[in-house]
Protein backbone atom coordinates (compact mmCIF):
# COMPACT_ATOMS: atom_id res chain seq x y z
CA MET A 1 292.61 244.92 52.12
CA GLN A 2 292.69 241.26 53.03
CA ILE A 3 290.38 239.06 50.95
CA PRO A 4 288.32 236.51 52.93
CA TYR A 5 289.15 232.86 52.28
CA TYR A 6 286.25 231.41 50.30
CA SER A 7 286.68 228.53 47.86
CA SER A 8 284.37 227.06 45.24
CA MET A 9 283.47 224.33 47.72
CA GLN A 10 282.17 226.76 50.31
CA SER A 11 279.84 229.76 50.16
CA ALA A 12 279.70 232.53 52.71
CA LYS A 13 276.27 231.45 53.89
CA GLU A 14 277.62 228.09 55.05
CA LEU A 15 279.45 229.93 57.83
CA GLN A 16 276.84 231.74 59.87
CA GLN A 17 276.45 232.93 63.42
CA GLY A 18 275.16 230.07 65.55
CA ARG A 19 276.57 227.27 63.36
CA ALA A 20 277.85 224.28 65.31
CA VAL A 21 281.49 223.38 64.68
CA ASP A 22 283.95 220.77 65.88
CA ILE A 23 287.49 222.05 66.40
CA VAL A 24 290.69 220.03 66.57
CA ILE A 25 293.21 221.65 68.91
CA ALA A 26 296.97 221.23 69.02
CA ASP A 27 297.00 217.93 70.91
CA LYS A 28 294.51 216.32 68.48
CA VAL A 29 291.58 216.58 70.87
CA VAL A 30 288.20 217.37 69.28
CA LYS A 31 285.98 219.92 71.04
CA HIS A 32 282.50 221.20 70.24
CA SER A 33 281.75 224.90 69.80
CA PHE A 34 279.58 227.43 67.95
CA ILE A 35 280.36 230.35 65.65
CA GLN A 36 279.33 233.56 67.42
CA ASP A 37 280.61 236.28 65.10
CA LEU A 38 282.15 236.58 61.61
CA ARG A 39 284.11 239.54 60.25
CA GLY A 40 286.12 238.69 57.15
CA ASN A 41 288.83 236.22 58.19
CA ARG A 42 288.17 236.89 61.88
CA ILE A 43 286.00 234.20 63.44
CA VAL A 44 284.72 234.27 67.01
CA LEU A 45 283.94 230.88 68.59
CA LEU A 46 282.18 230.13 71.84
CA GLN A 47 284.75 229.11 74.46
CA THR A 48 284.92 225.34 74.99
CA THR A 49 284.40 223.43 78.24
CA PRO A 50 286.90 222.95 79.79
CA PRO A 51 288.10 226.26 78.34
CA LEU A 52 291.18 226.68 76.18
CA ASN A 53 293.88 228.57 78.09
CA GLY A 54 296.79 230.80 77.14
CA HIS A 55 298.80 227.77 76.02
CA TYR A 56 296.81 227.83 72.76
CA LEU A 57 297.43 231.48 71.87
CA ASP A 58 299.17 231.83 68.48
CA ARG A 59 298.61 228.13 67.84
CA GLU A 60 296.76 226.73 64.86
CA ILE A 61 293.47 224.83 65.16
CA LEU A 62 291.27 223.05 62.64
CA ILE A 63 287.66 224.25 62.47
CA THR A 64 285.21 221.81 60.88
CA TYR A 65 281.50 221.84 60.11
CA LEU A 66 278.83 219.83 58.32
CA VAL A 67 277.13 220.62 55.03
CA ARG A 68 273.88 218.81 54.32
CA ASN A 69 272.87 218.81 50.65
CA GLY A 70 271.30 215.46 49.94
CA THR A 71 274.32 213.84 51.58
CA CYS A 72 276.18 214.84 54.73
CA LYS A 73 279.74 216.07 54.18
CA ARG A 74 282.26 217.68 56.49
CA PHE A 75 284.51 220.58 55.53
CA GLY A 76 287.23 222.32 57.48
CA PHE A 77 289.78 225.12 57.47
CA ARG A 78 292.67 226.20 59.66
CA GLY A 79 292.96 229.25 61.85
CA ARG A 80 295.31 230.82 64.39
CA VAL A 81 294.06 231.56 67.91
CA THR A 82 294.69 235.30 68.42
CA GLN A 83 292.70 236.06 71.57
CA LEU A 84 290.83 234.44 74.47
CA CYS A 85 288.05 236.66 75.89
CA GLU A 86 285.89 236.32 78.99
CA GLY A 87 283.34 238.89 77.85
CA TYR A 88 283.20 239.24 74.06
CA ILE A 89 280.23 241.50 73.24
CA THR A 90 277.87 240.91 70.32
CA VAL A 91 274.15 241.64 69.98
CA GLY A 92 274.26 243.34 73.37
CA ARG A 93 275.45 240.32 75.34
CA GLY A 94 278.80 239.04 76.52
CA PHE A 95 280.16 235.50 76.48
CA PRO A 96 283.52 233.67 76.80
CA ALA A 97 285.09 233.42 73.37
CA ILE A 98 287.98 232.17 71.24
CA VAL A 99 289.01 234.63 68.53
CA VAL A 100 290.58 232.99 65.47
CA GLU A 101 292.25 234.45 62.37
CA ARG A 102 291.56 232.19 59.43
CA THR A 103 294.72 230.98 57.64
CA SER A 104 293.51 228.60 54.91
CA GLU A 105 290.75 227.91 52.43
CA THR A 106 288.03 225.35 53.04
CA SER A 107 288.56 221.75 51.99
CA PRO A 108 286.85 218.40 52.62
CA CYS A 109 287.69 217.05 56.07
CA ASP A 110 287.63 213.60 57.66
CA LEU A 111 287.91 213.55 61.45
CA ARG A 112 288.28 209.79 61.71
CA MET A 113 292.05 210.34 61.87
CA HIS A 114 291.66 212.08 65.23
CA HIS A 115 290.52 210.66 68.55
CA ARG A 116 288.80 211.86 71.67
CA THR A 117 287.24 210.54 74.85
CA PRO A 118 283.51 211.10 74.43
CA SER A 119 281.23 211.80 77.36
CA PRO A 120 279.59 208.57 78.58
CA PRO A 121 276.15 208.52 76.91
CA CYS A 122 274.54 206.77 79.88
CA VAL A 123 275.47 209.45 82.43
CA GLU A 124 272.57 211.74 83.37
CA LEU A 125 272.77 215.03 85.23
CA TRP A 126 269.79 216.47 87.10
CA MET A 127 269.23 219.80 88.82
CA GLY A 128 266.26 219.22 91.10
CA THR A 129 263.56 217.65 88.90
CA GLU A 130 265.08 219.02 85.67
CA LYS A 131 267.20 216.76 83.48
CA LEU A 132 270.09 218.72 81.97
CA ASN A 133 271.41 218.19 78.46
CA VAL A 134 275.07 217.21 78.99
CA VAL A 135 277.37 218.61 76.28
CA ASP A 136 280.61 217.65 78.04
CA ILE A 137 281.41 216.17 81.44
CA SER A 138 284.57 215.31 83.36
CA SER A 139 285.38 214.35 86.92
CA GLY A 140 285.78 218.05 87.76
CA GLY A 141 282.86 219.70 86.01
CA SER A 142 280.35 219.81 83.18
CA HIS A 143 278.98 221.94 80.36
CA VAL A 144 275.19 221.59 80.21
CA VAL A 145 272.32 223.17 78.29
CA ARG A 146 268.84 224.07 79.57
CA LYS A 147 265.94 224.69 77.21
CA ASP A 148 264.17 226.78 79.84
CA GLY A 149 266.38 229.38 81.50
CA THR A 150 263.95 230.25 84.28
CA GLY A 151 265.07 229.84 87.88
CA THR A 152 268.77 229.67 87.02
CA PRO A 153 271.10 230.45 89.96
CA ASP A 154 273.51 233.36 89.71
CA THR A 155 277.15 232.98 88.69
CA GLN A 156 279.27 231.68 91.62
CA ASP A 157 276.18 230.22 93.35
CA VAL A 158 276.43 226.60 94.53
CA VAL A 159 273.78 224.10 93.41
CA THR A 160 273.16 220.45 94.22
CA LEU A 161 273.23 218.09 91.25
CA THR A 162 272.22 214.46 90.95
CA VAL A 163 274.43 212.24 88.79
CA LYS A 164 272.92 209.00 87.54
CA LYS A 165 274.47 206.08 85.70
CA GLY A 166 272.50 202.86 85.65
CA ALA A 167 271.73 201.87 89.23
CA THR A 168 274.27 204.38 90.61
CA CYS A 169 272.89 207.69 91.85
CA ILE A 170 275.04 210.22 93.70
CA GLN A 171 274.77 213.89 94.58
CA ARG A 172 277.41 216.52 94.08
CA ARG A 173 277.53 220.20 94.90
CA ALA A 174 278.73 222.37 92.03
CA ARG A 175 279.53 226.02 91.52
CA LEU A 176 278.09 227.87 88.52
CA ILE A 177 281.17 229.34 86.81
CA ARG A 178 279.57 230.82 83.68
CA ARG A 179 276.23 231.01 81.91
CA TRP A 180 275.43 232.26 78.42
CA HIS A 181 272.93 231.98 75.58
CA THR A 182 273.95 230.98 72.06
CA LYS A 183 270.88 232.41 70.27
CA GLY A 184 269.89 235.44 72.31
CA ARG A 185 267.94 235.56 75.55
CA GLY A 186 265.19 233.39 74.14
CA GLY A 187 267.59 230.66 73.08
CA PRO A 188 269.05 227.68 74.95
CA GLU A 189 270.92 228.54 78.14
CA HIS A 190 274.42 227.09 78.62
CA LEU A 191 275.91 226.53 82.08
CA ALA A 192 279.54 225.78 82.99
CA LEU A 193 279.59 223.95 86.33
CA LYS A 194 282.54 223.03 88.54
CA PHE A 195 282.07 220.12 90.95
CA LEU A 196 283.21 220.92 94.48
CA GLU A 197 284.06 217.24 94.90
CA THR A 198 285.29 215.20 91.94
CA LEU A 199 283.15 212.42 90.50
CA PRO A 200 284.26 208.80 90.99
CA SER A 201 286.34 207.67 88.03
CA ARG A 202 284.12 204.61 87.50
CA LEU A 203 281.27 206.87 86.36
CA LEU A 204 283.25 208.37 83.52
CA GLN A 205 285.55 205.56 82.42
CA THR A 206 285.56 205.30 78.62
CA GLU A 207 288.27 204.15 76.28
CA ILE A 208 289.93 206.65 73.94
CA LYS A 209 289.00 205.25 70.56
CA LEU A 210 288.86 206.13 66.90
CA PHE A 211 285.41 207.35 66.04
CA ARG A 212 283.30 207.55 62.90
CA LYS A 213 280.83 210.10 64.13
CA ILE A 214 281.10 213.69 65.37
CA SER A 215 277.98 215.85 65.59
CA GLU A 216 275.90 213.36 63.54
CA ALA A 217 278.36 212.86 60.68
CA PRO A 218 281.62 211.29 59.53
């Protein structure tokens, strides 16, 4: 029987379903995700946007998370991607997932050695009169979150979005590729949208830079 990796610096309760994590993939890009299921050393993560593809199977990633106990510290451990699922089922619902087999113990982690291109903070995305919470955006699509899931179009439906940045305001049609909830039907609703026409590069231009902050912490 394989013993789960738990060190003195990390208790089992620190890794729970629904916990936000930042993962570093093979090319040193940092992506945001959530833990959806835990079974020993097998960890199921919500698929990222854009999604990881078969290129990452059998590759190692770094999974990191924050611990707040008076101060804010980040810990991390390594795992091997064993499966990519479109419909992983847990608590009676399916969602796109990354299945990881943990390969190391937990240790303190500093992500300032890695870099990423963050989403421009001044870009807003609207669906009708509703402002969407942008998790990730690129010229080809976006991952957004809605607090209220009422009136959501069906998967593969096309919606009209308004993209705003400063004085610039443009409209783009987008197809709803996936939708899922991270905390059950009553929780926030996530939408993966693909623009039918790419966004102008000037809206998303940001420099790749070293950063000191990921998900509110070093």
